[in-house]
Amino acid sequence: MDNDTPTTPCMPLPAADLRELIRGRLREAIEQLLEDELALALGAAPRERTADRGGYRNGALTRSLTTECGPQDLRVPRGR
């Protein structure tokens, strides 16, 4: 690279890449909220042993959520 070439700290992303980045972050945020909600309902975090535990984790299901960014496949944790 020449010394005359200006450098920027971050290059702008093409619209398609930006959309995919937003979709990925949205999916991660929703899945984390679902995990936190289940931990609160069960009274214990994953792999945590407590006497106050109100139930147990029972795997996860894949569900589709339609958003403005298009359909999102989410991993929804289950409890029993």
C-alpha atoms as a PDB file:
ATOM      1  CA  MET A   1       0.000   0.000   0.000  1.00  0.00           C
ATOM      2  CA  ASP A   2       1.297   3.458  -0.886  1.00  0.00           C
ATOM      3  CA  ASN A   3       1.783   6.097   1.730  1.00  0.00           C
ATOM      4  CA  ASP A   4      -0.575   8.305  -0.319  1.00  0.00           C
ATOM      5  CA  THR A   5      -3.480   5.876   0.111  1.00  0.00           C
ATOM      6  CA  PRO A   6      -5.786   6.960   2.936  1.00  0.00           C
ATOM      7  CA  THR A   7      -6.616   4.223   5.409  1.00  0.00           C
ATOM      8  CA  THR A   8      -9.806   3.940   7.377  1.00  0.00           C
ATOM      9  CA  PRO A   9     -10.176   1.959  10.587  1.00  0.00           C
ATOM     10  CA  CYS A  10     -13.166   0.043   9.249  1.00  0.00           C
ATOM     11  CA  MET A  11     -14.362  -0.447   5.722  1.00  0.00           C
ATOM     12  CA  PRO A  12     -18.090  -0.145   5.008  1.00  0.00           C
ATOM     13  CA  LEU A  13     -19.817  -3.478   4.528  1.00  0.00           C
ATOM     14  CA  PRO A  14     -21.913  -4.277   1.473  1.00  0.00           C
ATOM     15  CA  ALA A  15     -25.651  -4.269   2.228  1.00  0.00           C
ATOM     16  CA  ALA A  16     -25.939  -8.077   1.964  1.00  0.00           C
ATOM     17  CA  ASP A  17     -23.108  -8.617   4.464  1.00  0.00           C
ATOM     18  CA  LEU A  18     -24.581  -6.055   6.834  1.00  0.00           C
ATOM     19  CA  ARG A  19     -27.981  -7.754   6.664  1.00  0.00           C
ATOM     20  CA  GLU A  20     -26.407 -11.141   7.478  1.00  0.00           C
ATOM     21  CA  LEU A  21     -24.472  -9.608  10.373  1.00  0.00           C
ATOM     22  CA  ILE A  22     -27.666  -8.104  11.800  1.00  0.00           C
ATOM     23  CA  ARG A  23     -29.554 -11.382  11.360  1.00  0.00           C
ATOM     24  CA  GLY A  24     -26.829 -13.298  13.183  1.00  0.00           C
ATOM     25  CA  ARG A  25     -26.691 -10.837  16.071  1.00  0.00           C
ATOM     26  CA  LEU A  26     -30.491 -10.797  16.334  1.00  0.00           C
ATOM     27  CA  ARG A  27     -30.592 -14.607  16.503  1.00  0.00           C
ATOM     28  CA  GLU A  28     -27.849 -14.686  19.158  1.00  0.00           C
ATOM     29  CA  ALA A  29     -29.628 -12.061  21.285  1.00  0.00           C
ATOM     30  CA  ILE A  30     -32.998 -13.837  21.158  1.00  0.00           C
ATOM     31  CA  GLU A  31     -31.436 -17.223  21.956  1.00  0.00           C
ATOM     32  CA  GLN A  32     -29.578 -15.722  24.934  1.00  0.00           C
ATOM     33  CA  LEU A  33     -32.817 -14.185  26.234  1.00  0.00           C
ATOM     34  CA  LEU A  34     -34.546 -17.571  25.944  1.00  0.00           C
ATOM     35  CA  GLU A  35     -31.683 -19.284  27.825  1.00  0.00           C
ATOM     36  CA  ASP A  36     -31.820 -16.649  30.580  1.00  0.00           C
ATOM     37  CA  GLU A  37     -35.594 -16.947  30.878  1.00  0.00           C
ATOM     38  CA  LEU A  38     -35.392 -20.741  31.224  1.00  0.00           C
ATOM     39  CA  ALA A  39     -32.638 -20.459  33.848  1.00  0.00           C
ATOM     40  CA  LEU A  40     -34.832 -18.055  35.808  1.00  0.00           C
ATOM     41  CA  ALA A  41     -37.868 -20.349  35.537  1.00  0.00           C
ATOM     42  CA  LEU A  42     -35.872 -23.434  36.593  1.00  0.00           C
ATOM     43  CA  GLY A  43     -34.025 -21.636  39.369  1.00  0.00           C
ATOM     44  CA  ALA A  44     -30.602 -22.790  38.150  1.00  0.00           C
ATOM     45  CA  ALA A  45     -28.134 -22.091  35.366  1.00  0.00           C
ATOM     46  CA  PRO A  46     -27.058 -24.902  33.020  1.00  0.00           C
ATOM     47  CA  ARG A  47     -25.061 -27.600  34.868  1.00  0.00           C
ATOM     48  CA  GLU A  48     -25.658 -25.837  38.207  1.00  0.00           C
ATOM     49  CA  ARG A  49     -26.664 -28.022  41.144  1.00  0.00           C
ATOM     50  CA  THR A  50     -28.957 -26.335  43.651  1.00  0.00           C
ATOM     51  CA  ALA A  51     -31.451 -27.528  46.247  1.00  0.00           C
ATOM     52  CA  ASP A  52     -33.953 -24.882  45.065  1.00  0.00           C
ATOM     53  CA  ARG A  53     -34.065 -26.158  41.501  1.00  0.00           C
ATOM     54  CA  GLY A  54     -37.624 -26.079  40.109  1.00  0.00           C
ATOM     55  CA  GLY A  55     -37.057 -28.375  37.119  1.00  0.00           C
ATOM     56  CA  TYR A  56     -34.542 -29.627  34.602  1.00  0.00           C
ATOM     57  CA  ARG A  57     -33.460 -28.783  31.079  1.00  0.00           C
ATOM     58  CA  ASN A  58     -34.806 -31.091  28.424  1.00  0.00           C
ATOM     59  CA  GLY A  59     -32.891 -30.314  25.221  1.00  0.00           C
ATOM     60  CA  ALA A  60     -33.900 -27.749  22.644  1.00  0.00           C
ATOM     61  CA  LEU A  61     -36.132 -27.388  19.606  1.00  0.00           C
ATOM     62  CA  THR A  62     -35.531 -25.461  16.413  1.00  0.00           C
ATOM     63  CA  ARG A  63     -38.256 -22.949  15.687  1.00  0.00           C
ATOM     64  CA  SER A  64     -38.634 -20.356  12.947  1.00  0.00           C
ATOM     65  CA  LEU A  65     -39.367 -16.708  13.739  1.00  0.00           C
ATOM     66  CA  THR A  66     -40.270 -14.314  10.931  1.00  0.00           C
ATOM     67  CA  THR A  67     -38.739 -10.843  11.329  1.00  0.00           C
ATOM     68  CA  GLU A  68     -38.193  -7.823   9.087  1.00  0.00           C
ATOM     69  CA  CYS A  69     -34.783  -9.322   8.301  1.00  0.00           C
ATOM     70  CA  GLY A  70     -36.422 -12.522   7.093  1.00  0.00           C
ATOM     71  CA  PRO A  71     -37.093 -15.853   8.799  1.00  0.00           C
ATOM     72  CA  GLN A  72     -34.769 -16.763  11.673  1.00  0.00           C
ATOM     73  CA  ASP A  73     -34.179 -20.335  12.813  1.00  0.00           C
ATOM     74  CA  LEU A  74     -33.857 -20.230  16.591  1.00  0.00           C
ATOM     75  CA  ARG A  75     -32.715 -22.850  19.081  1.00  0.00           C
ATOM     76  CA  VAL A  76     -35.393 -22.778  21.795  1.00  0.00           C
ATOM     77  CA  PRO A  77     -34.384 -24.530  25.048  1.00  0.00           C
ATOM     78  CA  ARG A  78     -36.892 -26.808  26.768  1.00  0.00           C
ATOM     79  CA  GLY A  79     -37.439 -27.462  30.446  1.00  0.00           C
ATOM     80  CA  ARG A  80     -39.480 -29.944  32.440  1.00  0.00           C
END
